[in-house]
Amino acid sequence: MDIEELVQLVTAEVLRQLGQVPLATHDNAIPRPQQALAIFTGGTIGLEQSLVELQKIQALNIALTVVLSAAAEEIVGIKRIKDCLGSDTSVITTQSSYPGKLLREADIVLVPVLTQNTAAKLAYTMSDTLASTLIMQALMLGKPVLAAINAADPQDSWRVKGNMGKCPPGLLQALRENLRKVEGYGIRLVQVDDLSAGSQKIMDRRVKTSLSVPQTKKSVMDAATIKDAAGNGLKNITVSQGTIITPLARDVARDYGIEIVKDHS
């Protein structure tokens, strides 16, 4: 009998005597609801379709929290958001408390209407508005950020139809360079029509690489659970605050590159 087997036997016996319940495995784990933070800036190109795309995202059982910049609050408005996305949709404005906790809990950050102004701010790492600050912090937190490019594209078909696609070469190059920089920072740029499909792809990948476990009062995570998670290609395991993590489990998680995150909610 090797040391690991001995530790597992001892753990099982301790659980039996204390009447504790074993930690859920991958097969019976309870998935954490997926969360998306949608940050609206003050653009109108692609706005109508972006609201349709957000409805599609909600249909994927992804909970949305909407953030409105000062300009978006005037152009879109809280009423319009709630009319389109449901009266129970949480809306954050510049008058609200900073949504730092919501940002940390978000599985994905969406920019349904990326404007040329916001793209320019991000390209030069300026965080002087609520929208640009949240997007920059999302990138620094390693969150996937998906932005609809239409309003920021100087040659978008909607802009051309409005007779606004006649940029001088120098301006065209500068605007395109801003988008190239933004994309280089890790923001995924898509057409607004692809916002929901792109979100689904990202969320599907995250589901395959993460695991959440039930909120039991007395649960223990052992090395076997970590190995099972690694065998399924998982990279993150979220456990309840009261979960006991054995030293061997921590060592195995480190060896396999798996992050164990405690849920503080």
Protein backbone atom coordinates (compact mmCIF):
# COMPACT_ATOMS: atom_id res chain seq x y z
CA MET A 1 0.00 0.00 0.00
CA ASP A 2 1.48 3.35 -1.04
CA ILE A 3 1.22 6.59 0.93
CA GLU A 4 -1.61 7.99 -1.20
CA GLU A 5 -3.79 4.91 -0.67
CA LEU A 6 -3.11 5.08 3.06
CA VAL A 7 -4.13 8.74 3.17
CA GLN A 8 -7.35 7.96 1.31
CA LEU A 9 -8.20 5.15 3.73
CA VAL A 10 -7.52 7.37 6.74
CA THR A 11 -9.63 10.17 5.22
CA ALA A 12 -12.51 7.79 4.57
CA GLU A 13 -12.39 6.48 8.13
CA VAL A 14 -12.30 9.99 9.60
CA LEU A 15 -15.31 10.94 7.49
CA ARG A 16 -17.17 7.84 8.60
CA GLN A 17 -16.56 8.51 12.27
CA LEU A 18 -17.42 12.22 12.03
CA GLY A 19 -20.47 11.61 9.89
CA GLN A 20 -19.22 13.94 7.19
CA VAL A 21 -20.35 13.67 3.61
CA PRO A 22 -17.84 13.06 0.83
CA LEU A 23 -17.19 15.74 -1.75
CA ALA A 24 -19.18 15.51 -4.96
CA THR A 25 -17.36 14.11 -7.96
CA HIS A 26 -17.46 15.46 -11.51
CA ASP A 27 -20.50 13.37 -12.38
CA ASN A 28 -22.79 14.73 -9.66
CA ALA A 29 -21.37 18.21 -9.20
CA ILE A 30 -23.85 21.09 -9.16
CA PRO A 31 -22.89 23.63 -11.85
CA ARG A 32 -22.61 27.26 -10.83
CA PRO A 33 -24.97 29.52 -12.80
CA GLN A 34 -23.09 31.28 -15.59
CA GLN A 35 -22.80 35.05 -15.29
CA ALA A 36 -22.24 37.71 -17.95
CA LEU A 37 -21.53 41.42 -17.52
CA ALA A 38 -22.74 43.43 -20.55
CA ILE A 39 -21.17 46.90 -20.76
CA PHE A 40 -22.97 49.39 -22.99
CA THR A 41 -21.17 52.45 -24.29
CA GLY A 42 -22.94 55.29 -26.08
CA GLY A 43 -23.13 53.96 -29.63
CA THR A 44 -26.14 53.32 -31.85
CA ILE A 45 -24.66 51.31 -34.73
CA GLY A 46 -25.58 47.71 -34.01
CA LEU A 47 -27.58 48.62 -30.92
CA GLU A 48 -30.86 47.05 -32.00
CA GLN A 49 -29.23 43.78 -33.04
CA SER A 50 -27.13 43.73 -29.86
CA LEU A 51 -30.31 43.66 -27.77
CA VAL A 52 -31.59 40.73 -29.82
CA GLU A 53 -28.26 38.97 -29.28
CA LEU A 54 -28.47 39.52 -25.53
CA GLN A 55 -31.93 37.95 -25.52
CA LYS A 56 -30.38 34.92 -27.22
CA ILE A 57 -27.66 34.85 -24.57
CA GLN A 58 -30.30 34.87 -21.83
CA ALA A 59 -31.96 31.92 -23.58
CA LEU A 60 -28.69 30.01 -23.01
CA ASN A 61 -29.44 30.27 -19.26
CA ILE A 62 -26.74 32.90 -18.77
CA ALA A 63 -27.62 35.56 -16.17
CA LEU A 64 -27.01 39.09 -17.43
CA THR A 65 -26.04 42.18 -15.51
CA VAL A 66 -26.04 45.33 -17.66
CA VAL A 67 -23.71 48.28 -17.15
CA LEU A 68 -24.62 51.61 -18.77
CA SER A 69 -22.06 54.33 -19.35
CA ALA A 70 -23.25 57.91 -18.92
CA ALA A 71 -23.83 58.19 -22.68
CA ALA A 72 -25.53 54.79 -22.86
CA GLU A 73 -27.88 55.76 -20.05
CA GLU A 74 -29.09 58.64 -22.22
CA ILE A 75 -29.12 56.78 -25.55
CA VAL A 76 -30.35 53.36 -24.41
CA GLY A 77 -31.80 54.00 -20.95
CA ILE A 78 -32.70 51.69 -18.10
CA LYS A 79 -36.32 51.35 -19.26
CA ARG A 80 -35.26 50.11 -22.70
CA ILE A 81 -32.95 47.53 -21.18
CA LYS A 82 -35.62 46.20 -18.85
CA ASP A 83 -38.25 46.20 -21.60
CA CYS A 84 -35.98 44.09 -23.82
CA LEU A 85 -34.22 41.89 -21.28
CA GLY A 86 -36.76 41.63 -18.47
CA SER A 87 -37.82 43.80 -15.58
CA ASP A 88 -35.67 41.79 -13.18
CA THR A 89 -32.47 42.52 -15.13
CA SER A 90 -29.91 44.21 -12.89
CA VAL A 91 -28.70 47.53 -14.35
CA ILE A 92 -25.59 49.38 -13.13
CA THR A 93 -25.10 53.07 -13.93
CA THR A 94 -22.45 55.66 -13.13
CA GLN A 95 -24.49 56.54 -10.02
CA SER A 96 -24.32 52.95 -8.72
CA SER A 97 -21.64 51.52 -6.48
CA TYR A 98 -18.65 50.20 -8.42
CA PRO A 99 -19.55 46.61 -9.47
CA GLY A 100 -16.20 45.07 -8.54
CA LYS A 101 -17.73 41.95 -7.01
CA LEU A 102 -19.95 41.41 -10.05
CA LEU A 103 -16.92 41.74 -12.32
CA ARG A 104 -14.95 39.16 -10.33
CA GLU A 105 -17.88 36.74 -10.45
CA ALA A 106 -18.53 37.20 -14.18
CA ASP A 107 -17.66 34.33 -16.49
CA ILE A 108 -17.61 36.64 -19.51
CA VAL A 109 -17.65 40.38 -20.18
CA LEU A 110 -19.56 41.64 -23.22
CA VAL A 111 -19.34 44.98 -25.00
CA PRO A 112 -22.47 44.90 -27.20
CA VAL A 113 -21.62 48.23 -28.87
CA LEU A 114 -17.90 49.05 -28.94
CA THR A 115 -17.63 52.68 -30.02
CA GLN A 116 -14.67 54.37 -31.69
CA ASN A 117 -14.27 56.51 -28.57
CA THR A 118 -14.08 53.52 -26.22
CA ALA A 119 -11.79 51.64 -28.61
CA ALA A 120 -9.43 54.63 -28.62
CA LYS A 121 -9.43 54.80 -24.81
CA LEU A 122 -8.70 51.08 -24.53
CA ALA A 123 -6.01 51.23 -27.21
CA TYR A 124 -4.12 53.75 -25.07
CA THR A 125 -5.03 51.97 -21.77
CA MET A 126 -7.10 54.89 -20.52
CA SER A 127 -9.44 54.03 -17.62
CA ASP A 128 -11.20 57.34 -17.14
CA THR A 129 -14.79 56.10 -17.51
CA LEU A 130 -16.81 53.34 -15.86
CA ALA A 131 -16.90 51.35 -19.11
CA SER A 132 -13.19 51.56 -19.92
CA THR A 133 -12.24 50.86 -16.29
CA LEU A 134 -14.36 47.72 -16.13
CA ILE A 135 -13.07 46.44 -19.47
CA MET A 136 -9.44 47.04 -18.53
CA GLN A 137 -9.90 45.37 -15.15
CA ALA A 138 -11.68 42.44 -16.80
CA LEU A 139 -8.62 41.90 -18.99
CA MET A 140 -6.31 42.13 -15.99
CA LEU A 141 -8.47 39.56 -14.18
CA GLY A 142 -8.13 37.22 -17.14
CA LYS A 143 -11.82 37.39 -18.02
CA PRO A 144 -12.84 36.68 -21.61
CA VAL A 145 -14.00 39.95 -23.19
CA LEU A 146 -16.15 39.85 -26.34
CA ALA A 147 -16.94 43.08 -28.17
CA ALA A 148 -19.17 43.83 -31.17
CA ILE A 149 -16.97 45.78 -33.58
CA ASN A 150 -19.58 47.39 -35.86
CA ALA A 151 -19.75 50.85 -34.27
CA ALA A 152 -15.95 51.08 -34.06
CA ASP A 153 -15.27 49.92 -37.63
CA PRO A 154 -14.74 52.99 -39.85
CA GLN A 155 -15.89 51.01 -42.90
CA ASP A 156 -18.79 49.10 -41.38
CA SER A 157 -21.64 48.61 -43.87
CA TRP A 158 -24.11 50.53 -41.69
CA ARG A 159 -21.71 53.48 -41.52
CA VAL A 160 -21.20 53.39 -45.30
CA LYS A 161 -24.97 53.39 -45.88
CA GLY A 162 -25.16 56.52 -43.76
CA ASN A 163 -22.57 58.19 -46.01
CA MET A 164 -20.00 58.13 -43.17
CA GLY A 165 -17.50 55.73 -44.69
CA LYS A 166 -15.26 58.28 -46.40
CA CYS A 167 -12.37 58.46 -43.92
CA PRO A 168 -9.14 60.08 -45.11
CA PRO A 169 -6.36 57.46 -45.28
CA GLY A 170 -4.62 58.76 -42.17
CA LEU A 171 -7.75 58.63 -40.02
CA LEU A 172 -8.72 55.24 -41.41
CA GLN A 173 -5.30 53.89 -40.48
CA ALA A 174 -5.50 55.36 -36.96
CA LEU A 175 -8.94 53.88 -36.28
CA ARG A 176 -7.88 50.50 -37.60
CA GLU A 177 -4.73 50.65 -35.47
CA ASN A 178 -6.85 51.24 -32.37
CA LEU A 179 -8.81 48.07 -33.11
CA ARG A 180 -5.60 46.14 -33.76
CA LYS A 181 -4.24 47.23 -30.38
CA VAL A 182 -7.48 46.36 -28.59
CA GLU A 183 -7.49 42.92 -30.17
CA GLY A 184 -3.84 42.51 -29.19
CA TYR A 185 -4.79 43.11 -25.55
CA GLY A 186 -7.05 40.05 -25.69
CA ILE A 187 -10.45 41.52 -26.55
CA ARG A 188 -12.24 39.27 -29.05
CA LEU A 189 -13.82 41.36 -31.78
CA VAL A 190 -16.89 40.02 -33.59
CA GLN A 191 -19.71 41.29 -35.75
CA VAL A 192 -22.76 42.10 -33.65
CA ASP A 193 -24.67 39.25 -35.33
CA ASP A 194 -22.13 36.82 -33.87
CA LEU A 195 -22.32 38.09 -30.29
CA SER A 196 -24.47 35.26 -28.92
CA ALA A 197 -22.74 32.51 -30.90
CA GLY A 198 -19.32 33.79 -29.79
CA SER A 199 -20.49 33.94 -26.18
CA GLN A 200 -21.78 30.37 -26.33
CA LYS A 201 -18.44 29.10 -27.64
CA ILE A 202 -16.55 30.81 -24.84
CA MET A 203 -18.95 29.60 -22.14
CA ASP A 204 -18.90 26.05 -23.48
CA ARG A 205 -15.11 26.02 -23.19
CA ARG A 206 -15.27 27.38 -19.64
CA VAL A 207 -17.77 24.68 -18.59
CA LYS A 208 -15.38 22.03 -19.86
CA THR A 209 -12.50 23.43 -17.83
CA SER A 210 -14.19 24.19 -14.49
CA LEU A 211 -16.08 22.37 -11.75
CA SER A 212 -18.33 23.57 -8.95
CA VAL A 213 -19.29 21.47 -5.95
CA PRO A 214 -22.37 21.60 -3.68
CA GLN A 215 -22.60 23.91 -0.71
CA THR A 216 -22.39 21.20 1.91
CA LYS A 217 -21.49 22.12 5.47
CA LYS A 218 -18.86 19.41 5.93
CA SER A 219 -17.18 18.17 2.77
CA VAL A 220 -13.65 17.04 2.02
CA MET A 221 -11.74 17.30 -1.21
CA ASP A 222 -9.15 14.55 -1.61
CA ALA A 223 -6.51 13.69 -4.19
CA ALA A 224 -8.83 11.27 -5.99
CA THR A 225 -11.29 14.08 -6.75
CA ILE A 226 -8.47 16.21 -8.16
CA LYS A 227 -7.24 13.37 -10.37
CA ASP A 228 -10.77 12.74 -11.61
CA ALA A 229 -11.11 16.42 -12.49
CA ALA A 230 -7.75 16.41 -14.28
CA GLY A 231 -8.80 13.34 -16.25
CA ASN A 232 -11.80 15.30 -17.51
CA GLY A 233 -9.62 18.22 -18.59
CA LEU A 234 -10.76 20.59 -15.85
CA LYS A 235 -8.59 23.53 -14.86
CA ASN A 236 -10.68 25.14 -12.09
CA ILE A 237 -12.62 23.69 -9.15
CA THR A 238 -14.90 25.93 -7.08
CA VAL A 239 -15.65 24.67 -3.57
CA SER A 240 -17.86 25.92 -0.76
CA GLN A 241 -16.36 27.92 2.08
CA GLY A 242 -16.54 25.02 4.56
CA THR A 243 -14.79 22.47 2.34
CA ILE A 244 -11.73 20.77 3.83
CA ILE A 245 -8.93 20.37 1.25
CA THR A 246 -6.39 17.69 2.16
CA PRO A 247 -2.68 18.57 1.84
CA LEU A 248 -2.23 15.79 -0.72
CA ALA A 249 -5.12 17.20 -2.75
CA ARG A 250 -3.38 20.59 -2.84
CA ASP A 251 -0.14 18.97 -3.98
CA VAL A 252 -1.90 17.01 -6.74
CA ALA A 253 -3.81 20.12 -7.86
CA ARG A 254 -0.53 21.99 -8.14
CA ASP A 255 1.05 19.14 -10.12
CA TYR A 256 -1.88 19.07 -12.56
CA GLY A 257 -2.18 22.85 -12.84
CA ILE A 258 -5.67 22.91 -11.34
CA GLU A 259 -6.81 26.00 -9.43
CA ILE A 260 -9.00 25.47 -6.35
CA VAL A 261 -11.23 28.49 -5.71
CA LYS A 262 -13.30 29.04 -2.57
CA ASP A 263 -16.78 30.44 -3.15
CA HIS A 264 -17.31 33.35 -0.73
CA SER A 265 -20.92 33.98 -1.68
